[in-house]
Amino acid sequence: MEIRNYKDLEVAETPHGINAYKLYDKDPALIMHLHLKAGESLKAHITPVDVAFYILEGTPTIMVGEEKIVVKKDDIVESPKDIVHCIYNETEKDVRVLVMKLPKPTSKTIMV
């Protein structure tokens, strides 16, 4: 059994400039824990695989394609592969999101 807590992991290097932690990084999937402070956001990007965002804390705004909506704790948002998506923290409180890329990407994300 392997147990990881994001608080014990180093911040992963990403092009977004936010605190991101790799919780699971194996062939079947990539699972990241994102911590966005007030005003932080991801850069709009396109992934070559399906992505699911599970909201752990806060009320981020999530964009998938041309839809942009505020979501809340315990919501899960699906983003199909090859569609632009982004997460924004437009609040004064922290946002934590579990990002699951399924399957794990074998090609690079495209920044837009």
PDB file of N, CA and C in Angstrom:
ATOM      1  N   MET A   1       0.845  -1.170   0.000  1.00  0.00           N
ATOM      2  CA  MET A   1       0.000   0.000   0.000  1.00  0.00           C
ATOM      3  C   MET A   1       0.894   1.238   0.000  1.00  0.00           C
ATOM      4  N   GLU A   2       0.517   2.215  -0.829  1.00  0.00           N
ATOM      5  CA  GLU A   2       1.222   3.495  -0.855  1.00  0.00           C
ATOM      6  C   GLU A   2       0.256   4.580  -0.417  1.00  0.00           C
ATOM      7  N   ILE A   3       0.723   5.444   0.461  1.00  0.00           N
ATOM      8  CA  ILE A   3      -0.098   6.549   0.945  1.00  0.00           C
ATOM      9  C   ILE A   3       0.679   7.833   0.727  1.00  0.00           C
ATOM     10  N   ARG A   4       0.011   8.832   0.141  1.00  0.00           N
ATOM     11  CA  ARG A   4       0.635  10.129  -0.076  1.00  0.00           C
ATOM     12  C   ARG A   4      -0.306  11.223   0.421  1.00  0.00           C
ATOM     13  N   ASN A   5       0.273  12.258   0.983  1.00  0.00           N
ATOM     14  CA  ASN A   5      -0.475  13.445   1.357  1.00  0.00           C
ATOM     15  C   ASN A   5       0.171  14.602   0.609  1.00  0.00           C
ATOM     16  N   TYR A   6      -0.625  15.403  -0.080  1.00  0.00           N
ATOM     17  CA  TYR A   6      -0.042  16.473  -0.891  1.00  0.00           C
ATOM     18  C   TYR A   6       0.837  17.404  -0.073  1.00  0.00           C
ATOM     19  N   LYS A   7       0.549  17.540   1.212  1.00  0.00           N
ATOM     20  CA  LYS A   7       1.335  18.434   2.066  1.00  0.00           C
ATOM     21  C   LYS A   7       2.770  17.940   2.246  1.00  0.00           C
ATOM     22  N   ASP A   8       3.003  16.654   1.985  1.00  0.00           N
ATOM     23  CA  ASP A   8       4.329  16.068   2.136  1.00  0.00           C
ATOM     24  C   ASP A   8       5.117  16.044   0.823  1.00  0.00           C
ATOM     25  N   LEU A   9       4.496  16.461  -0.268  1.00  0.00           N
ATOM     26  CA  LEU A   9       5.128  16.387  -1.586  1.00  0.00           C
ATOM     27  C   LEU A   9       5.716  17.734  -1.982  1.00  0.00           C
ATOM     28  N   GLU A  10       6.688  17.689  -2.874  1.00  0.00           N
ATOM     29  CA  GLU A  10       7.251  18.917  -3.428  1.00  0.00           C
ATOM     30  C   GLU A  10       6.294  19.469  -4.467  1.00  0.00           C
ATOM     31  N   VAL A  11       6.324  20.764  -4.658  1.00  0.00           N
ATOM     32  CA  VAL A  11       5.510  21.387  -5.695  1.00  0.00           C
ATOM     33  C   VAL A  11       6.031  20.921  -7.050  1.00  0.00           C
ATOM     34  N   ALA A  12       5.112  20.452  -7.896  1.00  0.00           N
ATOM     35  CA  ALA A  12       5.479  19.975  -9.232  1.00  0.00           C
ATOM     36  C   ALA A  12       5.660  21.165 -10.165  1.00  0.00           C
ATOM     37  N   GLU A  13       6.570  21.035 -11.088  1.00  0.00           N
ATOM     38  CA  GLU A  13       6.802  22.087 -12.061  1.00  0.00           C
ATOM     39  C   GLU A  13       5.708  22.026 -13.128  1.00  0.00           C
ATOM     40  N   THR A  14       4.998  23.138 -13.309  1.00  0.00           N
ATOM     41  CA  THR A  14       3.963  23.236 -14.340  1.00  0.00           C
ATOM     42  C   THR A  14       4.092  24.589 -15.025  1.00  0.00           C
ATOM     43  N   PRO A  15       3.501  24.756 -16.198  1.00  0.00           N
ATOM     44  CA  PRO A  15       3.564  26.061 -16.867  1.00  0.00           C
ATOM     45  C   PRO A  15       2.600  27.089 -16.270  1.00  0.00           C
ATOM     46  N   HIS A  16       1.814  26.685 -15.270  1.00  0.00           N
ATOM     47  CA  HIS A  16       0.769  27.550 -14.737  1.00  0.00           C
ATOM     48  C   HIS A  16       1.215  28.440 -13.579  1.00  0.00           C
ATOM     49  N   GLY A  17       2.338  28.136 -12.941  1.00  0.00           N
ATOM     50  CA  GLY A  17       2.830  28.968 -11.856  1.00  0.00           C
ATOM     51  C   GLY A  17       1.993  28.911 -10.593  1.00  0.00           C
ATOM     52  N   ILE A  18       1.341  27.772 -10.341  1.00  0.00           N
ATOM     53  CA  ILE A  18       0.553  27.587  -9.121  1.00  0.00           C
ATOM     54  C   ILE A  18       1.130  26.404  -8.354  1.00  0.00           C
ATOM     55  N   ASN A  19       0.652  26.188  -7.137  1.00  0.00           N
ATOM     56  CA  ASN A  19       1.078  25.021  -6.376  1.00  0.00           C
ATOM     57  C   ASN A  19       0.327  23.787  -6.875  1.00  0.00           C
ATOM     58  N   ALA A  20       1.074  22.858  -7.447  1.00  0.00           N
ATOM     59  CA  ALA A  20       0.517  21.617  -7.973  1.00  0.00           C
ATOM     60  C   ALA A  20       1.347  20.456  -7.440  1.00  0.00           C
ATOM     61  N   TYR A  21       0.686  19.390  -7.093  1.00  0.00           N
ATOM     62  CA  TYR A  21       1.351  18.238  -6.483  1.00  0.00           C
ATOM     63  C   TYR A  21       0.918  16.964  -7.211  1.00  0.00           C
ATOM     64  N   LYS A  22       1.900  16.136  -7.624  1.00  0.00           N
ATOM     65  CA  LYS A  22       1.590  14.869  -8.272  1.00  0.00           C
ATOM     66  C   LYS A  22       1.259  13.840  -7.206  1.00  0.00           C
ATOM     67  N   LEU A  23       0.008  13.442  -7.154  1.00  0.00           N
ATOM     68  CA  LEU A  23      -0.402  12.410  -6.200  1.00  0.00           C
ATOM     69  C   LEU A  23      -0.232  11.011  -6.786  1.00  0.00           C
ATOM     70  N   TYR A  24      -0.463  10.894  -8.099  1.00  0.00           N
ATOM     71  CA  TYR A  24      -0.407   9.592  -8.770  1.00  0.00           C
ATOM     72  C   TYR A  24       0.101   9.826 -10.177  1.00  0.00           C
ATOM     73  N   ASP A  25       1.166   9.133 -10.554  1.00  0.00           N
ATOM     74  CA  ASP A  25       1.772   9.322 -11.862  1.00  0.00           C
ATOM     75  C   ASP A  25       2.241   7.972 -12.385  1.00  0.00           C
ATOM     76  N   LYS A  26       1.297   7.234 -12.937  1.00  0.00           N
ATOM     77  CA  LYS A  26       1.585   5.914 -13.497  1.00  0.00           C
ATOM     78  C   LYS A  26       0.893   5.800 -14.850  1.00  0.00           C
ATOM     79  N   ASP A  27       1.166   4.735 -15.587  1.00  0.00           N
ATOM     80  CA  ASP A  27       0.624   4.596 -16.938  1.00  0.00           C
ATOM     81  C   ASP A  27      -0.893   4.768 -17.039  1.00  0.00           C
ATOM     82  N   PRO A  28      -1.694   4.234 -16.113  1.00  0.00           N
ATOM     83  CA  PRO A  28      -3.146   4.350 -16.310  1.00  0.00           C
ATOM     84  C   PRO A  28      -3.702   5.759 -16.113  1.00  0.00           C
ATOM     85  N   ALA A  29      -3.024   6.627 -15.361  1.00  0.00           N
ATOM     86  CA  ALA A  29      -3.591   7.943 -15.064  1.00  0.00           C
ATOM     87  C   ALA A  29      -2.541   8.868 -14.457  1.00  0.00           C
ATOM     88  N   LEU A  30      -2.873  10.156 -14.486  1.00  0.00           N
ATOM     89  CA  LEU A  30      -2.098  11.183 -13.784  1.00  0.00           C
ATOM     90  C   LEU A  30      -3.092  11.935 -12.918  1.00  0.00           C
ATOM     91  N   ILE A  31      -2.838  11.999 -11.613  1.00  0.00           N
ATOM     92  CA  ILE A  31      -3.723  12.698 -10.691  1.00  0.00           C
ATOM     93  C   ILE A  31      -2.905  13.768  -9.978  1.00  0.00           C
ATOM     94  N   MET A  32      -3.390  15.016 -10.119  1.00  0.00           N
ATOM     95  CA  MET A  32      -2.705  16.158  -9.534  1.00  0.00           C
ATOM     96  C   MET A  32      -3.614  16.838  -8.517  1.00  0.00           C
ATOM     97  N   HIS A  33      -3.013  17.392  -7.486  1.00  0.00           N
ATOM     98  CA  HIS A  33      -3.725  18.208  -6.508  1.00  0.00           C
ATOM     99  C   HIS A  33      -3.298  19.649  -6.781  1.00  0.00           C
ATOM    100  N   LEU A  34      -4.260  20.508  -7.144  1.00  0.00           N
ATOM    101  CA  LEU A  34      -3.963  21.907  -7.413  1.00  0.00           C
ATOM    102  C   LEU A  34      -4.443  22.762  -6.260  1.00  0.00           C
ATOM    103  N   HIS A  35      -3.637  23.723  -5.870  1.00  0.00           N
ATOM    104  CA  HIS A  35      -3.992  24.673  -4.815  1.00  0.00           C
ATOM    105  C   HIS A  35      -3.866  26.069  -5.410  1.00  0.00           C
ATOM    106  N   LEU A  36      -5.000  26.689  -5.663  1.00  0.00           N
ATOM    107  CA  LEU A  36      -5.018  28.031  -6.235  1.00  0.00           C
ATOM    108  C   LEU A  36      -5.386  29.026  -5.150  1.00  0.00           C
ATOM    109  N   LYS A  37      -4.502  29.973  -4.927  1.00  0.00           N
ATOM    110  CA  LYS A  37      -4.777  31.039  -3.959  1.00  0.00           C
ATOM    111  C   LYS A  37      -5.645  32.101  -4.629  1.00  0.00           C
ATOM    112  N   ALA A  38      -6.165  33.025  -3.837  1.00  0.00           N
ATOM    113  CA  ALA A  38      -7.037  34.088  -4.350  1.00  0.00           C
ATOM    114  C   ALA A  38      -6.425  34.738  -5.584  1.00  0.00           C
ATOM    115  N   GLY A  39      -7.215  34.813  -6.655  1.00  0.00           N
ATOM    116  CA  GLY A  39      -6.775  35.469  -7.871  1.00  0.00           C
ATOM    117  C   GLY A  39      -5.931  34.629  -8.812  1.00  0.00           C
ATOM    118  N   GLU A  40      -5.504  33.444  -8.410  1.00  0.00           N
ATOM    119  CA  GLU A  40      -4.683  32.606  -9.282  1.00  0.00           C
ATOM    120  C   GLU A  40      -5.559  31.837 -10.272  1.00  0.00           C
ATOM    121  N   SER A  41      -4.941  31.436 -11.376  1.00  0.00           N
ATOM    122  CA  SER A  41      -5.647  30.627 -12.364  1.00  0.00           C
ATOM    123  C   SER A  41      -4.649  29.813 -13.160  1.00  0.00           C
ATOM    124  N   LEU A  42      -5.172  28.828 -13.842  1.00  0.00           N
ATOM    125  CA  LEU A  42      -4.366  28.105 -14.821  1.00  0.00           C
ATOM    126  C   LEU A  42      -4.337  28.936 -16.089  1.00  0.00           C
ATOM    127  N   LYS A  43      -3.418  28.619 -16.978  1.00  0.00           N
ATOM    128  CA  LYS A  43      -3.440  29.188 -18.306  1.00  0.00           C
ATOM    129  C   LYS A  43      -4.351  28.290 -19.147  1.00  0.00           C
ATOM    130  N   ALA A  44      -5.148  28.866 -20.020  1.00  0.00           N
ATOM    131  CA  ALA A  44      -6.007  28.060 -20.886  1.00  0.00           C
ATOM    132  C   ALA A  44      -5.135  27.073 -21.661  1.00  0.00           C
ATOM    133  N   HIS A  45      -5.571  25.822 -21.719  1.00  0.00           N
ATOM    134  CA  HIS A  45      -4.779  24.800 -22.389  1.00  0.00           C
ATOM    135  C   HIS A  45      -5.675  23.666 -22.890  1.00  0.00           C
ATOM    136  N   ILE A  46      -5.091  22.830 -23.725  1.00  0.00           N
ATOM    137  CA  ILE A  46      -5.779  21.681 -24.313  1.00  0.00           C
ATOM    138  C   ILE A  46      -4.969  20.441 -23.982  1.00  0.00           C
ATOM    139  N   THR A  47      -5.631  19.417 -23.451  1.00  0.00           N
ATOM    140  CA  THR A  47      -4.934  18.165 -23.150  1.00  0.00           C
ATOM    141  C   THR A  47      -5.360  17.087 -24.150  1.00  0.00           C
ATOM    142  N   PRO A  48      -4.460  16.149 -24.441  1.00  0.00           N
ATOM    143  CA  PRO A  48      -4.765  15.105 -25.418  1.00  0.00           C
ATOM    144  C   PRO A  48      -5.559  13.937 -24.824  1.00  0.00           C
ATOM    145  N   VAL A  49      -6.022  14.090 -23.583  1.00  0.00           N
ATOM    146  CA  VAL A  49      -6.811  13.038 -22.920  1.00  0.00           C
ATOM    147  C   VAL A  49      -7.969  13.682 -22.168  1.00  0.00           C
ATOM    148  N   ASP A  50      -8.954  12.880 -21.791  1.00  0.00           N
ATOM    149  CA  ASP A  50     -10.057  13.369 -20.971  1.00  0.00           C
ATOM    150  C   ASP A  50      -9.527  13.807 -19.609  1.00  0.00           C
ATOM    151  N   VAL A  51     -10.170  14.830 -19.046  1.00  0.00           N
ATOM    152  CA  VAL A  51      -9.781  15.342 -17.729  1.00  0.00           C
ATOM    153  C   VAL A  51     -11.028  15.461 -16.871  1.00  0.00           C
ATOM    154  N   ALA A  52     -10.898  15.110 -15.596  1.00  0.00           N
ATOM    155  CA  ALA A  52     -11.981  15.312 -14.627  1.00  0.00           C
ATOM    156  C   ALA A  52     -11.434  16.173 -13.501  1.00  0.00           C
ATOM    157  N   PHE A  53     -12.212  17.197 -13.117  1.00  0.00           N
ATOM    158  CA  PHE A  53     -11.848  18.093 -12.032  1.00  0.00           C
ATOM    159  C   PHE A  53     -12.795  17.826 -10.872  1.00  0.00           C
ATOM    160  N   TYR A  54     -12.251  17.423  -9.713  1.00  0.00           N
ATOM    161  CA  TYR A  54     -13.065  17.215  -8.514  1.00  0.00           C
ATOM    162  C   TYR A  54     -12.730  18.331  -7.541  1.00  0.00           C
ATOM    163  N   ILE A  55     -13.733  19.085  -7.135  1.00  0.00           N
ATOM    164  CA  ILE A  55     -13.513  20.254  -6.284  1.00  0.00           C
ATOM    165  C   ILE A  55     -13.443  19.824  -4.820  1.00  0.00           C
ATOM    166  N   LEU A  56     -12.289  20.047  -4.211  1.00  0.00           N
ATOM    167  CA  LEU A  56     -12.053  19.684  -2.807  1.00  0.00           C
ATOM    168  C   LEU A  56     -12.402  20.825  -1.856  1.00  0.00           C
ATOM    169  N   GLU A  57     -12.177  22.061  -2.314  1.00  0.00           N
ATOM    170  CA  GLU A  57     -12.383  23.229  -1.448  1.00  0.00           C
ATOM    171  C   GLU A  57     -12.591  24.456  -2.323  1.00  0.00           C
ATOM    172  N   GLY A  58     -13.489  25.331  -1.906  1.00  0.00           N
ATOM    173  CA  GLY A  58     -13.688  26.596  -2.578  1.00  0.00           C
ATOM    174  C   GLY A  58     -14.733  26.553  -3.683  1.00  0.00           C
ATOM    175  N   THR A  59     -14.806  27.670  -4.413  1.00  0.00           N
ATOM    176  CA  THR A  59     -15.782  27.812  -5.502  1.00  0.00           C
ATOM    177  C   THR A  59     -15.076  28.383  -6.735  1.00  0.00           C
ATOM    178  N   PRO A  60     -14.312  27.547  -7.427  1.00  0.00           N
ATOM    179  CA  PRO A  60     -13.610  28.033  -8.611  1.00  0.00           C
ATOM    180  C   PRO A  60     -14.569  28.207  -9.789  1.00  0.00           C
ATOM    181  N   THR A  61     -14.101  28.955 -10.758  1.00  0.00           N
ATOM    182  CA  THR A  61     -14.779  29.049 -12.043  1.00  0.00           C
ATOM    183  C   THR A  61     -14.021  28.138 -12.996  1.00  0.00           C
ATOM    184  N   ILE A  62     -14.759  27.279 -13.689  1.00  0.00           N
ATOM    185  CA  ILE A  62     -14.122  26.352 -14.623  1.00  0.00           C
ATOM    186  C   ILE A  62     -14.650  26.623 -16.023  1.00  0.00           C
ATOM    187  N   MET A  63     -13.725  26.694 -16.960  1.00  0.00           N
ATOM    188  CA  MET A  63     -14.076  26.864 -18.364  1.00  0.00           C
ATOM    189  C   MET A  63     -13.756  25.571 -19.097  1.00  0.00           C
ATOM    190  N   VAL A  64     -14.723  25.071 -19.853  1.00  0.00           N
ATOM    191  CA  VAL A  64     -14.523  23.937 -20.748  1.00  0.00           C
ATOM    192  C   VAL A  64     -15.119  24.352 -22.086  1.00  0.00           C
ATOM    193  N   GLY A  65     -14.278  24.453 -23.100  1.00  0.00           N
ATOM    194  CA  GLY A  65     -14.759  24.951 -24.389  1.00  0.00           C
ATOM    195  C   GLY A  65     -15.222  26.390 -24.217  1.00  0.00           C
ATOM    196  N   GLU A  66     -16.454  26.660 -24.619  1.00  0.00           N
ATOM    197  CA  GLU A  66     -16.995  28.014 -24.495  1.00  0.00           C
ATOM    198  C   GLU A  66     -17.846  28.188 -23.247  1.00  0.00           C
ATOM    199  N   GLU A  67     -18.004  27.122 -22.448  1.00  0.00           N
ATOM    200  CA  GLU A  67     -18.772  27.212 -21.201  1.00  0.00           C
ATOM    201  C   GLU A  67     -17.856  27.620 -20.060  1.00  0.00           C
ATOM    202  N   LYS A  68     -18.340  28.541 -19.231  1.00  0.00           N
ATOM    203  CA  LYS A  68     -17.583  28.987 -18.056  1.00  0.00           C
ATOM    204  C   LYS A  68     -18.590  29.106 -16.915  1.00  0.00           C
ATOM    205  N   ILE A  69     -18.351  28.336 -15.820  1.00  0.00           N
ATOM    206  CA  ILE A  69     -19.334  28.277 -14.742  1.00  0.00           C
ATOM    207  C   ILE A  69     -18.638  28.165 -13.384  1.00  0.00           C
ATOM    208  N   VAL A  70     -19.256  28.724 -12.362  1.00  0.00           N
ATOM    209  CA  VAL A  70     -18.762  28.600 -10.990  1.00  0.00           C
ATOM    210  C   VAL A  70     -19.247  27.256 -10.449  1.00  0.00           C
ATOM    211  N   VAL A  71     -18.331  26.502  -9.853  1.00  0.00           N
ATOM    212  CA  VAL A  71     -18.664  25.212  -9.259  1.00  0.00           C
ATOM    213  C   VAL A  71     -18.321  25.238  -7.775  1.00  0.00           C
ATOM    214  N   LYS A  72     -18.715  24.196  -7.057  1.00  0.00           N
ATOM    215  CA  LYS A  72     -18.536  24.184  -5.606  1.00  0.00           C
ATOM    216  C   LYS A  72     -17.924  22.869  -5.142  1.00  0.00           C
ATOM    217  N   LYS A  73     -17.596  22.843  -3.861  1.00  0.00           N
ATOM    218  CA  LYS A  73     -17.016  21.658  -3.236  1.00  0.00           C
ATOM    219  C   LYS A  73     -17.861  20.428  -3.556  1.00  0.00           C
ATOM    220  N   ASP A  74     -17.188  19.339  -3.848  1.00  0.00           N
ATOM    221  CA  ASP A  74     -17.757  18.033  -4.153  1.00  0.00           C
ATOM    222  C   ASP A  74     -18.379  17.932  -5.540  1.00  0.00           C
ATOM    223  N   ASP A  75     -18.282  18.984  -6.369  1.00  0.00           N
ATOM    224  CA  ASP A  75     -18.684  18.870  -7.770  1.00  0.00           C
ATOM    225  C   ASP A  75     -17.557  18.201  -8.544  1.00  0.00           C
ATOM    226  N   ILE A  76     -17.921  17.488  -9.611  1.00  0.00           N
ATOM    227  CA  ILE A  76     -16.929  16.959 -10.544  1.00  0.00           C
ATOM    228  C   ILE A  76     -17.294  17.480 -11.930  1.00  0.00           C
ATOM    229  N   VAL A  77     -16.295  17.969 -12.639  1.00  0.00           N
ATOM    230  CA  VAL A  77     -16.485  18.548 -13.958  1.00  0.00           C
ATOM    231  C   VAL A  77     -15.665  17.732 -14.946  1.00  0.00           C
ATOM    232  N   GLU A  78     -16.285  17.333 -16.035  1.00  0.00           N
ATOM    233  CA  GLU A  78     -15.587  16.570 -17.063  1.00  0.00           C
ATOM    234  C   GLU A  78     -15.210  17.485 -18.217  1.00  0.00           C
ATOM    235  N   SER A  79     -14.001  17.308 -18.725  1.00  0.00           N
ATOM    236  CA  SER A  79     -13.534  18.036 -19.895  1.00  0.00           C
ATOM    237  C   SER A  79     -13.011  17.013 -20.900  1.00  0.00           C
ATOM    238  N   PRO A  80     -13.679  16.905 -22.058  1.00  0.00           N
ATOM    239  CA  PRO A  80     -13.219  15.942 -23.057  1.00  0.00           C
ATOM    240  C   PRO A  80     -11.845  16.315 -23.612  1.00  0.00           C
ATOM    241  N   LYS A  81     -11.144  15.326 -24.105  1.00  0.00           N
ATOM    242  CA  LYS A  81      -9.826  15.583 -24.694  1.00  0.00           C
ATOM    243  C   LYS A  81      -9.951  16.544 -25.874  1.00  0.00           C
ATOM    244  N   ASP A  82      -8.868  17.242 -26.127  1.00  0.00           N
ATOM    245  CA  ASP A  82      -8.739  18.158 -27.260  1.00  0.00           C
ATOM    246  C   ASP A  82      -9.679  19.362 -27.187  1.00  0.00           C
ATOM    247  N   ILE A  83     -10.160  19.706 -25.990  1.00  0.00           N
ATOM    248  CA  ILE A  83     -11.008  20.882 -25.782  1.00  0.00           C
ATOM    249  C   ILE A  83     -10.271  21.834 -24.832  1.00  0.00           C
ATOM    250  N   VAL A  84     -10.262  23.115 -25.135  1.00  0.00           N
ATOM    251  CA  VAL A  84      -9.604  24.082 -24.258  1.00  0.00           C
ATOM    252  C   VAL A  84     -10.331  24.123 -22.915  1.00  0.00           C
ATOM    253  N   HIS A  85      -9.551  24.193 -21.838  1.00  0.00           N
ATOM    254  CA  HIS A  85     -10.145  24.298 -20.504  1.00  0.00           C
ATOM    255  C   HIS A  85      -9.221  25.096 -19.588  1.00  0.00           C
ATOM    256  N   CYS A  86      -9.808  25.543 -18.464  1.00  0.00           N
ATOM    257  CA  CYS A  86      -9.062  26.381 -17.534  1.00  0.00           C
ATOM    258  C   CYS A  86      -9.783  26.409 -16.185  1.00  0.00           C
ATOM    259  N   ILE A  87      -9.041  26.671 -15.118  1.00  0.00           N
ATOM    260  CA  ILE A  87      -9.610  26.842 -13.783  1.00  0.00           C
ATOM    261  C   ILE A  87      -9.177  28.215 -13.272  1.00  0.00           C
ATOM    262  N   TYR A  88     -10.144  28.969 -12.757  1.00  0.00           N
ATOM    263  CA  TYR A  88      -9.881  30.308 -12.228  1.00  0.00           C
ATOM    264  C   TYR A  88     -10.331  30.362 -10.766  1.00  0.00           C
ATOM    265  N   ASN A  89      -9.536  30.989  -9.923  1.00  0.00           N
ATOM    266  CA  ASN A  89      -9.987  31.286  -8.572  1.00  0.00           C
ATOM    267  C   ASN A  89     -10.240  32.786  -8.514  1.00  0.00           C
ATOM    268  N   GLU A  90     -11.485  33.161  -8.727  1.00  0.00           N
ATOM    269  CA  GLU A  90     -11.866  34.564  -8.744  1.00  0.00           C
ATOM    270  C   GLU A  90     -12.420  34.994  -7.391  1.00  0.00           C
ATOM    271  N   THR A  91     -12.075  34.239  -6.339  1.00  0.00           N
ATOM    272  CA  THR A  91     -12.569  34.517  -4.990  1.00  0.00           C
ATOM    273  C   THR A  91     -11.408  34.946  -4.101  1.00  0.00           C
ATOM    274  N   GLU A  92     -11.735  35.255  -2.858  1.00  0.00           N
ATOM    275  CA  GLU A  92     -10.722  35.631  -1.872  1.00  0.00           C
ATOM    276  C   GLU A  92     -10.279  34.435  -1.030  1.00  0.00           C
ATOM    277  N   LYS A  93     -10.866  33.279  -1.271  1.00  0.00           N
ATOM    278  CA  LYS A  93     -10.541  32.075  -0.492  1.00  0.00           C
ATOM    279  C   LYS A  93      -9.765  31.095  -1.350  1.00  0.00           C
ATOM    280  N   ASP A  94      -9.034  30.184  -0.706  1.00  0.00           N
ATOM    281  CA  ASP A  94      -8.280  29.164  -1.419  1.00  0.00           C
ATOM    282  C   ASP A  94      -9.213  28.206  -2.146  1.00  0.00           C
ATOM    283  N   VAL A  95      -8.697  27.672  -3.241  1.00  0.00           N
ATOM    284  CA  VAL A  95      -9.382  26.636  -4.012  1.00  0.00           C
ATOM    285  C   VAL A  95      -8.432  25.453  -4.122  1.00  0.00           C
ATOM    286  N   ARG A  96      -8.964  24.269  -3.879  1.00  0.00           N
ATOM    287  CA  ARG A  96      -8.192  23.036  -4.069  1.00  0.00           C
ATOM    288  C   ARG A  96      -8.982  22.117  -4.994  1.00  0.00           C
ATOM    289  N   VAL A  97      -8.293  21.599  -6.008  1.00  0.00           N
ATOM    290  CA  VAL A  97      -8.944  20.773  -7.024  1.00  0.00           C
ATOM    291  C   VAL A  97      -8.089  19.538  -7.289  1.00  0.00           C
ATOM    292  N   LEU A  98      -8.745  18.397  -7.378  1.00  0.00           N
ATOM    293  CA  LEU A  98      -8.097  17.161  -7.798  1.00  0.00           C
ATOM    294  C   LEU A  98      -8.302  17.051  -9.303  1.00  0.00           C
ATOM    295  N   VAL A  99      -7.212  16.980 -10.057  1.00  0.00           N
ATOM    296  CA  VAL A  99      -7.275  16.880 -11.511  1.00  0.00           C
ATOM    297  C   VAL A  99      -6.829  15.490 -11.916  1.00  0.00           C
ATOM    298  N   MET A 100      -7.717  14.795 -12.633  1.00  0.00           N
ATOM    299  CA  MET A 100      -7.429  13.429 -13.062  1.00  0.00           C
ATOM    300  C   MET A 100      -7.376  13.374 -14.577  1.00  0.00           C
ATOM    301  N   LYS A 101      -6.226  13.018 -15.116  1.00  0.00           N
ATOM    302  CA  LYS A 101      -6.061  12.866 -16.556  1.00  0.00           C
ATOM    303  C   LYS A 101      -6.099  11.374 -16.859  1.00  0.00           C
ATOM    304  N   LEU A 102      -7.087  11.003 -17.665  1.00  0.00           N
ATOM    305  CA  LEU A 102      -7.357   9.590 -17.896  1.00  0.00           C
ATOM    306  C   LEU A 102      -7.494   9.293 -19.385  1.00  0.00           C
ATOM    307  N   PRO A 103      -6.655   8.454 -19.950  1.00  0.00           N
ATOM    308  CA  PRO A 103      -5.451   7.875 -19.354  1.00  0.00           C
ATOM    309  C   PRO A 103      -4.351   8.931 -19.251  1.00  0.00           C
ATOM    310  N   LYS A 104      -3.251   8.543 -18.656  1.00  0.00           N
ATOM    311  CA  LYS A 104      -2.121   9.458 -18.543  1.00  0.00           C
ATOM    312  C   LYS A 104      -1.695   9.896 -19.949  1.00  0.00           C
ATOM    313  N   PRO A 105      -1.497  11.189 -20.158  1.00  0.00           N
ATOM    314  CA  PRO A 105      -1.117  11.666 -21.489  1.00  0.00           C
ATOM    315  C   PRO A 105       0.246  11.136 -21.933  1.00  0.00           C
ATOM    316  N   THR A 106       0.329  10.844 -23.213  1.00  0.00           N
ATOM    317  CA  THR A 106       1.621  10.424 -23.783  1.00  0.00           C
ATOM    318  C   THR A 106       2.161  11.489 -24.710  1.00  0.00           C
ATOM    319  N   SER A 107       1.364  12.546 -24.959  1.00  0.00           N
ATOM    320  CA  SER A 107       1.847  13.685 -25.724  1.00  0.00           C
ATOM    321  C   SER A 107       1.636  14.956 -24.917  1.00  0.00           C
ATOM    322  N   LYS A 108       2.223  16.037 -25.375  1.00  0.00           N
ATOM    323  CA  LYS A 108       2.241  17.275 -24.584  1.00  0.00           C
ATOM    324  C   LYS A 108       0.920  18.026 -24.618  1.00  0.00           C
ATOM    325  N   THR A 109       0.691  18.774 -23.527  1.00  0.00           N
ATOM    326  CA  THR A 109      -0.432  19.712 -23.436  1.00  0.00           C
ATOM    327  C   THR A 109      -0.109  20.898 -24.341  1.00  0.00           C
ATOM    328  N   ILE A 110      -1.151  21.461 -24.948  1.00  0.00           N
ATOM    329  CA  ILE A 110      -0.989  22.628 -25.815  1.00  0.00           C
ATOM    330  C   ILE A 110      -1.491  23.862 -25.062  1.00  0.00           C
ATOM    331  N   MET A 111      -0.609  24.831 -24.879  1.00  0.00           N
ATOM    332  CA  MET A 111      -0.984  26.081 -24.224  1.00  0.00           C
ATOM    333  C   MET A 111      -1.581  26.999 -25.287  1.00  0.00           C
ATOM    334  N   VAL A 112      -2.705  27.666 -24.935  1.00  0.00           N
ATOM    335  CA  VAL A 112      -3.336  28.558 -25.914  1.00  0.00           C
ATOM    336  C   VAL A 112      -3.278  30.002 -25.458  1.00  0.00           C
TER     337      VAL A 112
END
